[in-house]
Amino acid sequence: MNVKIKKIRSDAIIPQYHTEDSAGVDITAAIDEPIVIKPLERKLIPAGFAVEIPKGYEIQIRARSGMSLKHGITAANGVGTVDADFRGEICAILVNLSNEDFTIEPGMRVAQMVLSKYDKIEWDEIEDLGETKRGEGGYGSTGH
């Protein structure tokens, strides 16, 4: 699928897949100087580009698993959604869950971006839902 992308900064790096079966592309920090993220601090890291997402799709901004495991750097909002009508700069909201400062360097890969199709919900309000074995059993109700 072709998706239109516009560089906002001339040094922005167009996201690329790093393996044949990668679901996400890495986005890089489009910054002029290093940004330090202190423990439990959040920072908005710009990617230097904007995209035109097709209708019926979203872009999800996700943490890079290696950064999360090795350094405690993750996406502050879990998975961020970029809607198809947004035309601003793509950014990653990162949080440092470690006990040490972490430095984001210019051009560093900081997050993943995944294009995902979705369906719009049309609600049918009813009085009763169909029954299942689980029923209203909530968190932890299915065992360990």
N, C-alpha and C. Protein backbone atom coordinates (compact mmCIF):
# COMPACT_ATOMS: atom_id res chain seq x y z
N MET A 1 0.85 -1.17 0.00
CA MET A 1 0.00 0.00 0.00
C MET A 1 0.89 1.24 0.00
N ASN A 2 0.60 2.18 -0.85
CA ASN A 2 1.33 3.44 -0.90
C ASN A 2 0.69 4.45 0.04
N VAL A 3 1.52 5.10 0.87
CA VAL A 3 1.07 6.14 1.79
C VAL A 3 1.94 7.37 1.54
N LYS A 4 1.29 8.51 1.40
CA LYS A 4 2.00 9.76 1.14
C LYS A 4 2.70 10.24 2.40
N ILE A 5 3.94 10.69 2.24
CA ILE A 5 4.73 11.19 3.36
C ILE A 5 5.39 12.50 2.96
N LYS A 6 5.43 13.44 3.89
CA LYS A 6 6.03 14.76 3.62
C LYS A 6 7.07 15.04 4.69
N LYS A 7 8.29 15.32 4.26
CA LYS A 7 9.33 15.72 5.20
C LYS A 7 9.04 17.12 5.69
N ILE A 8 9.08 17.30 7.00
CA ILE A 8 8.95 18.62 7.60
C ILE A 8 10.34 19.20 7.84
N ARG A 9 11.27 18.33 8.09
CA ARG A 9 12.68 18.70 8.24
C ARG A 9 13.47 18.01 7.13
N SER A 10 14.41 18.72 6.57
CA SER A 10 15.18 18.15 5.46
C SER A 10 16.00 16.94 5.90
N ASP A 11 16.37 16.86 7.17
CA ASP A 11 17.17 15.75 7.66
C ASP A 11 16.32 14.59 8.21
N ALA A 12 15.00 14.69 8.08
CA ALA A 12 14.13 13.61 8.55
C ALA A 12 14.43 12.33 7.78
N ILE A 13 14.34 11.22 8.48
CA ILE A 13 14.60 9.92 7.86
C ILE A 13 13.26 9.25 7.56
N ILE A 14 13.04 8.91 6.28
CA ILE A 14 11.83 8.20 5.88
C ILE A 14 11.87 6.81 6.52
N PRO A 15 10.82 6.42 7.25
CA PRO A 15 10.84 5.11 7.94
C PRO A 15 11.01 3.96 6.95
N GLN A 16 11.75 2.96 7.39
CA GLN A 16 12.02 1.78 6.57
C GLN A 16 11.78 0.52 7.38
N TYR A 17 11.38 -0.55 6.71
CA TYR A 17 11.32 -1.87 7.34
C TYR A 17 12.74 -2.40 7.42
N HIS A 18 13.08 -3.06 8.54
CA HIS A 18 14.43 -3.57 8.72
C HIS A 18 14.57 -5.05 8.42
N THR A 19 13.44 -5.77 8.34
CA THR A 19 13.47 -7.16 7.88
C THR A 19 12.27 -7.37 6.96
N GLU A 20 12.31 -8.44 6.19
CA GLU A 20 11.26 -8.72 5.22
C GLU A 20 9.88 -8.86 5.86
N ASP A 21 9.81 -9.43 7.05
CA ASP A 21 8.52 -9.68 7.68
C ASP A 21 8.20 -8.73 8.83
N SER A 22 8.91 -7.61 8.92
CA SER A 22 8.61 -6.62 9.96
C SER A 22 7.22 -6.05 9.77
N ALA A 23 6.47 -5.92 10.87
CA ALA A 23 5.14 -5.30 10.83
C ALA A 23 5.25 -3.78 10.93
N GLY A 24 6.27 -3.33 11.63
CA GLY A 24 6.43 -1.90 11.86
C GLY A 24 7.72 -1.36 11.26
N VAL A 25 7.69 -0.06 11.04
CA VAL A 25 8.89 0.66 10.61
C VAL A 25 9.39 1.47 11.80
N ASP A 26 10.70 1.60 11.90
CA ASP A 26 11.26 2.40 12.98
C ASP A 26 11.21 3.87 12.61
N ILE A 27 10.85 4.71 13.59
CA ILE A 27 10.93 6.16 13.37
C ILE A 27 12.08 6.70 14.20
N THR A 28 12.71 7.73 13.68
CA THR A 28 13.91 8.27 14.29
C THR A 28 13.68 9.68 14.83
N ALA A 29 14.52 10.05 15.76
CA ALA A 29 14.43 11.36 16.40
C ALA A 29 14.94 12.44 15.46
N ALA A 30 14.05 13.35 15.06
CA ALA A 30 14.43 14.49 14.20
C ALA A 30 14.66 15.69 15.13
N ILE A 31 15.82 15.68 15.76
CA ILE A 31 16.15 16.71 16.74
C ILE A 31 17.53 17.28 16.43
N ASP A 32 17.78 18.51 16.87
CA ASP A 32 19.06 19.16 16.60
C ASP A 32 20.13 18.83 17.63
N GLU A 33 19.70 18.52 18.84
CA GLU A 33 20.65 18.20 19.90
C GLU A 33 20.05 17.10 20.78
N PRO A 34 20.89 16.41 21.53
CA PRO A 34 20.39 15.33 22.39
C PRO A 34 19.33 15.81 23.36
N ILE A 35 18.40 14.90 23.68
CA ILE A 35 17.36 15.14 24.68
C ILE A 35 17.53 14.11 25.78
N VAL A 36 17.67 14.59 27.02
CA VAL A 36 17.79 13.69 28.16
C VAL A 36 16.41 13.46 28.76
N ILE A 37 16.07 12.18 28.96
CA ILE A 37 14.82 11.82 29.64
C ILE A 37 15.21 11.27 31.01
N LYS A 38 14.83 11.98 32.03
CA LYS A 38 15.14 11.58 33.40
C LYS A 38 14.17 10.47 33.84
N PRO A 39 14.50 9.74 34.91
CA PRO A 39 13.59 8.70 35.39
C PRO A 39 12.18 9.24 35.63
N LEU A 40 11.20 8.50 35.12
CA LEU A 40 9.77 8.81 35.21
C LEU A 40 9.37 10.09 34.47
N GLU A 41 10.24 10.63 33.66
CA GLU A 41 9.94 11.83 32.88
C GLU A 41 9.43 11.42 31.49
N ARG A 42 8.55 12.24 30.94
CA ARG A 42 8.01 12.04 29.59
C ARG A 42 8.53 13.14 28.67
N LYS A 43 8.80 12.76 27.42
CA LYS A 43 9.24 13.73 26.42
C LYS A 43 8.57 13.42 25.08
N LEU A 44 8.25 14.48 24.35
CA LEU A 44 7.71 14.35 23.00
C LEU A 44 8.88 14.41 22.03
N ILE A 45 9.06 13.35 21.26
CA ILE A 45 10.19 13.26 20.33
C ILE A 45 9.65 13.33 18.90
N PRO A 46 9.97 14.42 18.17
CA PRO A 46 9.48 14.57 16.80
C PRO A 46 10.22 13.67 15.81
N ALA A 47 9.50 13.24 14.77
CA ALA A 47 10.09 12.39 13.73
C ALA A 47 10.44 13.16 12.47
N GLY A 48 9.96 14.41 12.34
CA GLY A 48 10.36 15.24 11.21
C GLY A 48 9.57 15.03 9.93
N PHE A 49 8.45 14.31 10.00
CA PHE A 49 7.62 14.09 8.81
C PHE A 49 6.16 14.01 9.19
N ALA A 50 5.31 14.18 8.20
CA ALA A 50 3.85 14.01 8.34
C ALA A 50 3.41 13.02 7.27
N VAL A 51 2.26 12.39 7.49
CA VAL A 51 1.76 11.40 6.54
C VAL A 51 0.29 11.64 6.23
N GLU A 52 -0.14 11.14 5.09
CA GLU A 52 -1.55 11.16 4.70
C GLU A 52 -2.06 9.73 4.79
N ILE A 53 -2.70 9.43 5.89
CA ILE A 53 -3.17 8.07 6.17
C ILE A 53 -4.47 7.84 5.41
N PRO A 54 -4.59 6.72 4.70
CA PRO A 54 -5.83 6.44 3.98
C PRO A 54 -7.02 6.27 4.93
N LYS A 55 -8.21 6.65 4.46
CA LYS A 55 -9.43 6.44 5.26
C LYS A 55 -9.57 4.95 5.60
N GLY A 56 -10.04 4.67 6.80
CA GLY A 56 -10.20 3.29 7.24
C GLY A 56 -8.93 2.71 7.85
N TYR A 57 -7.90 3.53 7.99
CA TYR A 57 -6.63 3.09 8.57
C TYR A 57 -6.22 4.06 9.67
N GLU A 58 -5.35 3.60 10.54
CA GLU A 58 -4.71 4.42 11.55
C GLU A 58 -3.23 4.07 11.53
N ILE A 59 -2.42 4.93 12.10
CA ILE A 59 -1.03 4.58 12.37
C ILE A 59 -0.91 4.44 13.88
N GLN A 60 -0.29 3.35 14.29
CA GLN A 60 -0.03 3.14 15.71
C GLN A 60 1.45 3.41 15.98
N ILE A 61 1.71 4.20 17.02
CA ILE A 61 3.07 4.47 17.45
C ILE A 61 3.32 3.60 18.66
N ARG A 62 4.33 2.75 18.58
CA ARG A 62 4.60 1.76 19.62
C ARG A 62 6.04 1.86 20.09
N ALA A 63 6.29 1.34 21.27
CA ALA A 63 7.65 1.28 21.80
C ALA A 63 8.51 0.32 20.99
N ARG A 64 9.80 0.55 21.00
CA ARG A 64 10.75 -0.43 20.46
C ARG A 64 11.10 -1.38 21.59
N SER A 65 10.92 -2.67 21.36
CA SER A 65 11.09 -3.64 22.44
C SER A 65 12.50 -3.64 23.02
N GLY A 66 13.51 -3.46 22.19
CA GLY A 66 14.89 -3.44 22.69
C GLY A 66 15.14 -2.28 23.64
N MET A 67 14.61 -1.10 23.31
CA MET A 67 14.77 0.06 24.18
C MET A 67 14.03 -0.15 25.49
N SER A 68 12.87 -0.78 25.42
CA SER A 68 12.09 -1.04 26.62
C SER A 68 12.82 -2.02 27.54
N LEU A 69 13.32 -3.11 26.98
CA LEU A 69 14.00 -4.13 27.77
C LEU A 69 15.33 -3.63 28.32
N LYS A 70 16.15 -3.05 27.47
CA LYS A 70 17.51 -2.67 27.87
C LYS A 70 17.59 -1.38 28.67
N HIS A 71 16.66 -0.43 28.39
CA HIS A 71 16.80 0.91 28.99
C HIS A 71 15.55 1.41 29.71
N GLY A 72 14.45 0.69 29.65
CA GLY A 72 13.23 1.13 30.31
C GLY A 72 12.54 2.29 29.60
N ILE A 73 12.84 2.50 28.32
CA ILE A 73 12.23 3.57 27.54
C ILE A 73 11.06 2.97 26.77
N THR A 74 9.86 3.52 26.99
CA THR A 74 8.68 2.97 26.35
C THR A 74 7.74 4.10 25.94
N ALA A 75 6.68 3.75 25.25
CA ALA A 75 5.68 4.74 24.85
C ALA A 75 4.83 5.09 26.07
N ALA A 76 4.74 6.37 26.39
CA ALA A 76 4.03 6.82 27.60
C ALA A 76 2.55 6.49 27.55
N ASN A 77 1.97 6.44 26.35
CA ASN A 77 0.54 6.17 26.21
C ASN A 77 0.28 4.74 25.73
N GLY A 78 1.21 3.84 25.98
CA GLY A 78 1.05 2.46 25.55
C GLY A 78 1.21 2.36 24.04
N VAL A 79 0.13 2.46 23.33
CA VAL A 79 0.15 2.55 21.87
C VAL A 79 -0.59 3.82 21.50
N GLY A 80 0.08 4.70 20.78
CA GLY A 80 -0.55 5.94 20.34
C GLY A 80 -1.21 5.75 18.99
N THR A 81 -2.38 6.34 18.82
CA THR A 81 -3.09 6.29 17.55
C THR A 81 -2.99 7.61 16.83
N VAL A 82 -2.64 7.54 15.54
CA VAL A 82 -2.66 8.70 14.66
C VAL A 82 -3.82 8.48 13.70
N ASP A 83 -4.82 9.36 13.75
CA ASP A 83 -6.02 9.22 12.92
C ASP A 83 -5.78 9.66 11.48
N ALA A 84 -6.61 9.16 10.59
CA ALA A 84 -6.46 9.43 9.16
C ALA A 84 -6.63 10.90 8.80
N ASP A 85 -7.29 11.68 9.63
CA ASP A 85 -7.47 13.10 9.29
C ASP A 85 -6.40 14.01 9.90
N PHE A 86 -5.40 13.44 10.59
CA PHE A 86 -4.32 14.22 11.17
C PHE A 86 -3.24 14.47 10.12
N ARG A 87 -2.80 15.70 10.00
CA ARG A 87 -1.77 16.04 9.01
C ARG A 87 -0.53 16.69 9.63
N GLY A 88 -0.43 16.64 10.95
CA GLY A 88 0.72 17.23 11.62
C GLY A 88 1.90 16.28 11.69
N GLU A 89 2.95 16.74 12.35
CA GLU A 89 4.17 15.95 12.47
C GLU A 89 3.95 14.72 13.34
N ILE A 90 4.49 13.60 12.90
CA ILE A 90 4.47 12.37 13.67
C ILE A 90 5.50 12.52 14.79
N CYS A 91 5.07 12.16 16.00
CA CYS A 91 5.96 12.22 17.18
C CYS A 91 5.75 10.96 18.01
N ALA A 92 6.69 10.71 18.90
CA ALA A 92 6.56 9.63 19.87
C ALA A 92 6.61 10.23 21.27
N ILE A 93 5.68 9.84 22.12
CA ILE A 93 5.69 10.26 23.52
C ILE A 93 6.40 9.17 24.29
N LEU A 94 7.61 9.46 24.74
CA LEU A 94 8.41 8.45 25.44
C LEU A 94 8.47 8.73 26.93
N VAL A 95 8.56 7.67 27.71
CA VAL A 95 8.72 7.78 29.17
C VAL A 95 9.89 6.88 29.58
N ASN A 96 10.63 7.35 30.56
CA ASN A 96 11.77 6.61 31.09
C ASN A 96 11.33 5.91 32.37
N LEU A 97 11.19 4.59 32.32
CA LEU A 97 10.77 3.81 33.48
C LEU A 97 11.96 3.24 34.26
N SER A 98 13.17 3.65 33.87
CA SER A 98 14.35 3.17 34.59
C SER A 98 14.71 4.13 35.71
N ASN A 99 15.81 3.83 36.40
CA ASN A 99 16.30 4.68 37.48
C ASN A 99 17.43 5.58 37.02
N GLU A 100 17.73 5.58 35.72
CA GLU A 100 18.85 6.34 35.19
C GLU A 100 18.40 7.25 34.06
N ASP A 101 19.09 8.37 33.90
CA ASP A 101 18.83 9.25 32.76
C ASP A 101 19.09 8.48 31.47
N PHE A 102 18.33 8.80 30.42
CA PHE A 102 18.56 8.20 29.11
C PHE A 102 18.61 9.33 28.09
N THR A 103 19.59 9.27 27.19
CA THR A 103 19.77 10.33 26.20
C THR A 103 19.31 9.87 24.83
N ILE A 104 18.40 10.64 24.25
CA ILE A 104 17.96 10.45 22.87
C ILE A 104 18.88 11.28 21.99
N GLU A 105 19.56 10.64 21.06
CA GLU A 105 20.48 11.32 20.15
C GLU A 105 19.78 11.63 18.83
N PRO A 106 20.19 12.69 18.14
CA PRO A 106 19.63 12.97 16.81
C PRO A 106 19.78 11.74 15.90
N GLY A 107 18.71 11.38 15.21
CA GLY A 107 18.74 10.25 14.28
C GLY A 107 18.56 8.88 14.93
N MET A 108 18.44 8.83 16.27
CA MET A 108 18.27 7.56 16.97
C MET A 108 16.88 6.99 16.67
N ARG A 109 16.81 5.67 16.47
CA ARG A 109 15.51 5.01 16.31
C ARG A 109 14.83 4.99 17.67
N VAL A 110 13.63 5.58 17.76
CA VAL A 110 13.00 5.77 19.07
C VAL A 110 11.65 5.06 19.24
N ALA A 111 11.00 4.69 18.16
CA ALA A 111 9.68 4.06 18.25
C ALA A 111 9.40 3.30 16.96
N GLN A 112 8.31 2.55 16.98
CA GLN A 112 7.85 1.85 15.78
C GLN A 112 6.52 2.44 15.33
N MET A 113 6.27 2.35 14.05
CA MET A 113 5.04 2.85 13.46
C MET A 113 4.43 1.73 12.64
N VAL A 114 3.14 1.43 12.91
CA VAL A 114 2.43 0.35 12.21
C VAL A 114 1.15 0.92 11.60
N LEU A 115 0.92 0.63 10.33
CA LEU A 115 -0.32 1.01 9.66
C LEU A 115 -1.33 -0.10 9.92
N SER A 116 -2.50 0.27 10.42
CA SER A 116 -3.49 -0.74 10.81
C SER A 116 -4.88 -0.37 10.29
N LYS A 117 -5.54 -1.35 9.67
CA LYS A 117 -6.90 -1.16 9.17
C LYS A 117 -7.88 -1.32 10.33
N TYR A 118 -8.97 -0.57 10.28
CA TYR A 118 -10.00 -0.72 11.30
C TYR A 118 -11.37 -0.57 10.65
N ASP A 119 -12.39 -1.04 11.36
CA ASP A 119 -13.78 -0.88 10.94
C ASP A 119 -14.46 0.08 11.90
N LYS A 120 -15.36 0.90 11.38
CA LYS A 120 -16.17 1.79 12.21
C LYS A 120 -17.25 0.97 12.89
N ILE A 121 -17.55 1.31 14.13
CA ILE A 121 -18.58 0.60 14.90
C ILE A 121 -19.93 1.26 14.68
N GLU A 122 -20.92 0.44 14.44
CA GLU A 122 -22.30 0.91 14.43
C GLU A 122 -22.99 0.17 15.57
N TRP A 123 -23.50 0.91 16.55
CA TRP A 123 -24.05 0.32 17.76
C TRP A 123 -25.50 -0.11 17.56
N ASP A 124 -25.84 -1.31 18.03
CA ASP A 124 -27.21 -1.81 18.11
C ASP A 124 -27.53 -1.94 19.59
N GLU A 125 -28.25 -0.97 20.14
CA GLU A 125 -28.59 -1.02 21.55
C GLU A 125 -29.67 -2.06 21.79
N ILE A 126 -29.39 -2.97 22.74
CA ILE A 126 -30.33 -4.05 23.06
C ILE A 126 -30.50 -4.13 24.58
N GLU A 127 -31.45 -4.94 25.02
CA GLU A 127 -31.70 -5.11 26.45
C GLU A 127 -30.80 -6.19 27.07
N ASP A 128 -30.53 -7.29 26.33
CA ASP A 128 -29.74 -8.39 26.88
C ASP A 128 -28.71 -8.84 25.86
N LEU A 129 -27.53 -9.20 26.37
CA LEU A 129 -26.47 -9.76 25.53
C LEU A 129 -26.56 -11.28 25.54
N GLY A 130 -26.04 -11.92 24.49
CA GLY A 130 -26.00 -13.38 24.44
C GLY A 130 -25.16 -13.93 25.59
N GLU A 131 -25.52 -15.11 26.07
CA GLU A 131 -24.83 -15.72 27.20
C GLU A 131 -23.63 -16.52 26.72
N THR A 132 -22.58 -16.56 27.58
CA THR A 132 -21.38 -17.36 27.34
C THR A 132 -21.03 -18.07 28.64
N LYS A 133 -20.14 -19.05 28.58
CA LYS A 133 -19.69 -19.76 29.76
C LYS A 133 -19.00 -18.80 30.74
N ARG A 134 -18.23 -17.88 30.23
CA ARG A 134 -17.51 -16.92 31.08
C ARG A 134 -18.45 -15.88 31.68
N GLY A 135 -19.43 -15.47 30.92
CA GLY A 135 -20.38 -14.47 31.41
C GLY A 135 -19.70 -13.16 31.76
N GLU A 136 -19.96 -12.67 32.96
CA GLU A 136 -19.40 -11.40 33.40
C GLU A 136 -18.10 -11.57 34.17
N GLY A 137 -17.51 -12.78 34.14
CA GLY A 137 -16.25 -13.01 34.82
C GLY A 137 -15.19 -12.07 34.28
N GLY A 138 -14.61 -11.30 35.15
CA GLY A 138 -13.68 -10.26 34.73
C GLY A 138 -12.22 -10.62 34.88
N TYR A 139 -11.45 -9.65 35.28
CA TYR A 139 -10.00 -9.76 35.38
C TYR A 139 -9.59 -10.94 36.23
N GLY A 140 -8.81 -11.85 35.62
CA GLY A 140 -8.31 -13.01 36.33
C GLY A 140 -9.29 -14.16 36.44
N SER A 141 -10.47 -14.02 35.86
CA SER A 141 -11.49 -15.05 36.03
C SER A 141 -11.21 -16.34 35.25
N THR A 142 -10.27 -16.30 34.30
CA THR A 142 -9.99 -17.50 33.50
C THR A 142 -8.80 -18.28 34.04
N GLY A 143 -8.24 -17.86 35.18
CA GLY A 143 -7.14 -18.61 35.79
C GLY A 143 -5.82 -17.91 35.67
N HIS A 144 -4.75 -18.66 35.89
CA HIS A 144 -3.40 -18.10 35.95
C HIS A 144 -2.88 -17.82 34.58
